[in-house]
Amino acid sequence: MYSFTSTVRYSECDEHGNLSIVGLVNYLQDCSTFQCEELGLGLEHMRDIKIAWLLVGCLADRDRAYAPLWREDPGQYLVL
């Protein structure tokens, strides 16, 4: 399992101070990108071999009681 440390920024929160759905999807995208880069399969590699990732669909079920709040580390709540 790959993980990284971050802090939920104010701009990533909804009106209640919880990480928004858009913010969540951005963290998932960042995590997958960082892992690919670390494995040598990042953007430069993909450009060289002329391929790209394409997300066709996604289903996420998020329990609001466990949503990270502003200034928290989302890694304690998100398991990829």
C-alpha atoms as a PDB file:
ATOM      1  CA  MET A   1       0.000   0.000   0.000  1.00  0.00           C
ATOM      2  CA  TYR A   2       1.347   3.425  -0.964  1.00  0.00           C
ATOM      3  CA  SER A   3       0.758   6.473   1.223  1.00  0.00           C
ATOM      4  CA  PHE A   4       1.943  10.046   1.575  1.00  0.00           C
ATOM      5  CA  THR A   5       1.607  12.682   4.263  1.00  0.00           C
ATOM      6  CA  SER A   6      -0.327  15.868   3.654  1.00  0.00           C
ATOM      7  CA  THR A   7      -2.585  18.352   5.393  1.00  0.00           C
ATOM      8  CA  VAL A   8      -6.135  19.146   4.320  1.00  0.00           C
ATOM      9  CA  ARG A   9      -6.135  22.725   3.099  1.00  0.00           C
ATOM     10  CA  TYR A  10      -9.011  25.147   3.562  1.00  0.00           C
ATOM     11  CA  SER A  11      -9.630  25.246  -0.207  1.00  0.00           C
ATOM     12  CA  GLU A  12     -10.244  21.466  -0.174  1.00  0.00           C
ATOM     13  CA  CYS A  13     -13.047  21.656   2.393  1.00  0.00           C
ATOM     14  CA  ASP A  14     -16.803  21.841   2.095  1.00  0.00           C
ATOM     15  CA  GLU A  15     -18.990  24.258   4.042  1.00  0.00           C
ATOM     16  CA  HIS A  16     -18.681  22.063   7.178  1.00  0.00           C
ATOM     17  CA  GLY A  17     -14.881  21.955   7.174  1.00  0.00           C
ATOM     18  CA  ASN A  18     -14.732  18.353   5.901  1.00  0.00           C
ATOM     19  CA  LEU A  19     -12.630  17.246   2.951  1.00  0.00           C
ATOM     20  CA  SER A  20     -14.882  17.682  -0.093  1.00  0.00           C
ATOM     21  CA  ILE A  21     -15.551  14.959  -2.663  1.00  0.00           C
ATOM     22  CA  VAL A  22     -13.481  16.922  -5.207  1.00  0.00           C
ATOM     23  CA  GLY A  23     -10.660  17.167  -2.666  1.00  0.00           C
ATOM     24  CA  LEU A  24     -10.877  13.418  -2.022  1.00  0.00           C
ATOM     25  CA  VAL A  25     -10.621  12.595  -5.721  1.00  0.00           C
ATOM     26  CA  ASN A  26      -7.635  14.942  -6.039  1.00  0.00           C
ATOM     27  CA  TYR A  27      -5.856  13.148  -3.157  1.00  0.00           C
ATOM     28  CA  LEU A  28      -6.490   9.783  -4.824  1.00  0.00           C
ATOM     29  CA  GLN A  29      -5.099  11.125  -8.107  1.00  0.00           C
ATOM     30  CA  ASP A  30      -2.030  12.587  -6.370  1.00  0.00           C
ATOM     31  CA  CYS A  31      -1.388   9.350  -4.497  1.00  0.00           C
ATOM     32  CA  SER A  32      -1.516   7.239  -7.661  1.00  0.00           C
ATOM     33  CA  THR A  33       0.699   9.735  -9.527  1.00  0.00           C
ATOM     34  CA  PHE A  34       3.302   9.810  -6.726  1.00  0.00           C
ATOM     35  CA  GLN A  35       3.384   6.004  -6.603  1.00  0.00           C
ATOM     36  CA  CYS A  36       3.830   5.716 -10.380  1.00  0.00           C
ATOM     37  CA  GLU A  37       6.632   8.283 -10.296  1.00  0.00           C
ATOM     38  CA  GLU A  38       8.376   6.387  -7.502  1.00  0.00           C
ATOM     39  CA  LEU A  39       8.132   3.160  -9.521  1.00  0.00           C
ATOM     40  CA  GLY A  40       9.577   4.808 -12.636  1.00  0.00           C
ATOM     41  CA  LEU A  41       6.220   4.650 -14.422  1.00  0.00           C
ATOM     42  CA  GLY A  42       5.339   8.337 -14.200  1.00  0.00           C
ATOM     43  CA  LEU A  43       4.423  10.984 -16.732  1.00  0.00           C
ATOM     44  CA  GLU A  44       7.775  11.038 -18.540  1.00  0.00           C
ATOM     45  CA  HIS A  45       7.728   7.258 -18.990  1.00  0.00           C
ATOM     46  CA  MET A  46       4.139   7.316 -20.220  1.00  0.00           C
ATOM     47  CA  ARG A  47       4.946  10.124 -22.653  1.00  0.00           C
ATOM     48  CA  ASP A  48       7.956   8.192 -23.977  1.00  0.00           C
ATOM     49  CA  ILE A  49       5.894   5.077 -24.720  1.00  0.00           C
ATOM     50  CA  LYS A  50       2.878   7.134 -25.877  1.00  0.00           C
ATOM     51  CA  ILE A  51       0.271   5.800 -23.466  1.00  0.00           C
ATOM     52  CA  ALA A  52      -1.969   7.421 -20.858  1.00  0.00           C
ATOM     53  CA  TRP A  53      -4.144   6.452 -17.919  1.00  0.00           C
ATOM     54  CA  LEU A  54      -7.855   6.963 -18.374  1.00  0.00           C
ATOM     55  CA  LEU A  55     -10.363   6.677 -15.540  1.00  0.00           C
ATOM     56  CA  VAL A  56     -13.634   5.449 -16.985  1.00  0.00           C
ATOM     57  CA  GLY A  57     -15.622   5.293 -13.775  1.00  0.00           C
ATOM     58  CA  CYS A  58     -15.369   5.452 -10.037  1.00  0.00           C
ATOM     59  CA  LEU A  59     -17.612   4.471  -7.150  1.00  0.00           C
ATOM     60  CA  ALA A  60     -16.794   5.932  -3.754  1.00  0.00           C
ATOM     61  CA  ASP A  61     -18.653   5.412  -0.501  1.00  0.00           C
ATOM     62  CA  ARG A  62     -17.567   7.888   2.140  1.00  0.00           C
ATOM     63  CA  ASP A  63     -18.847   7.894   5.699  1.00  0.00           C
ATOM     64  CA  ARG A  64     -19.194  11.550   6.707  1.00  0.00           C
ATOM     65  CA  ALA A  65     -18.353  10.671  10.304  1.00  0.00           C
ATOM     66  CA  TYR A  66     -14.810   9.772   9.217  1.00  0.00           C
ATOM     67  CA  ALA A  67     -14.123  12.576   6.741  1.00  0.00           C
ATOM     68  CA  PRO A  68     -10.862  14.407   7.414  1.00  0.00           C
ATOM     69  CA  LEU A  69     -11.218  17.977   8.630  1.00  0.00           C
ATOM     70  CA  TRP A  70      -9.296  21.128   7.792  1.00  0.00           C
ATOM     71  CA  ARG A  71      -5.644  20.842   8.911  1.00  0.00           C
ATOM     72  CA  GLU A  72      -5.851  17.074   9.464  1.00  0.00           C
ATOM     73  CA  ASP A  73      -3.764  14.467   7.654  1.00  0.00           C
ATOM     74  CA  PRO A  74      -6.162  12.697   5.266  1.00  0.00           C
ATOM     75  CA  GLY A  75      -3.922   9.620   5.267  1.00  0.00           C
ATOM     76  CA  GLN A  76      -5.360   8.489   8.584  1.00  0.00           C
ATOM     77  CA  TYR A  77      -8.783   8.210   6.920  1.00  0.00           C
ATOM     78  CA  LEU A  78      -7.969   7.192   3.346  1.00  0.00           C
ATOM     79  CA  VAL A  79      -6.841   3.657   2.598  1.00  0.00           C
ATOM     80  CA  LEU A  80      -5.930   2.968  -1.023  1.00  0.00           C
END
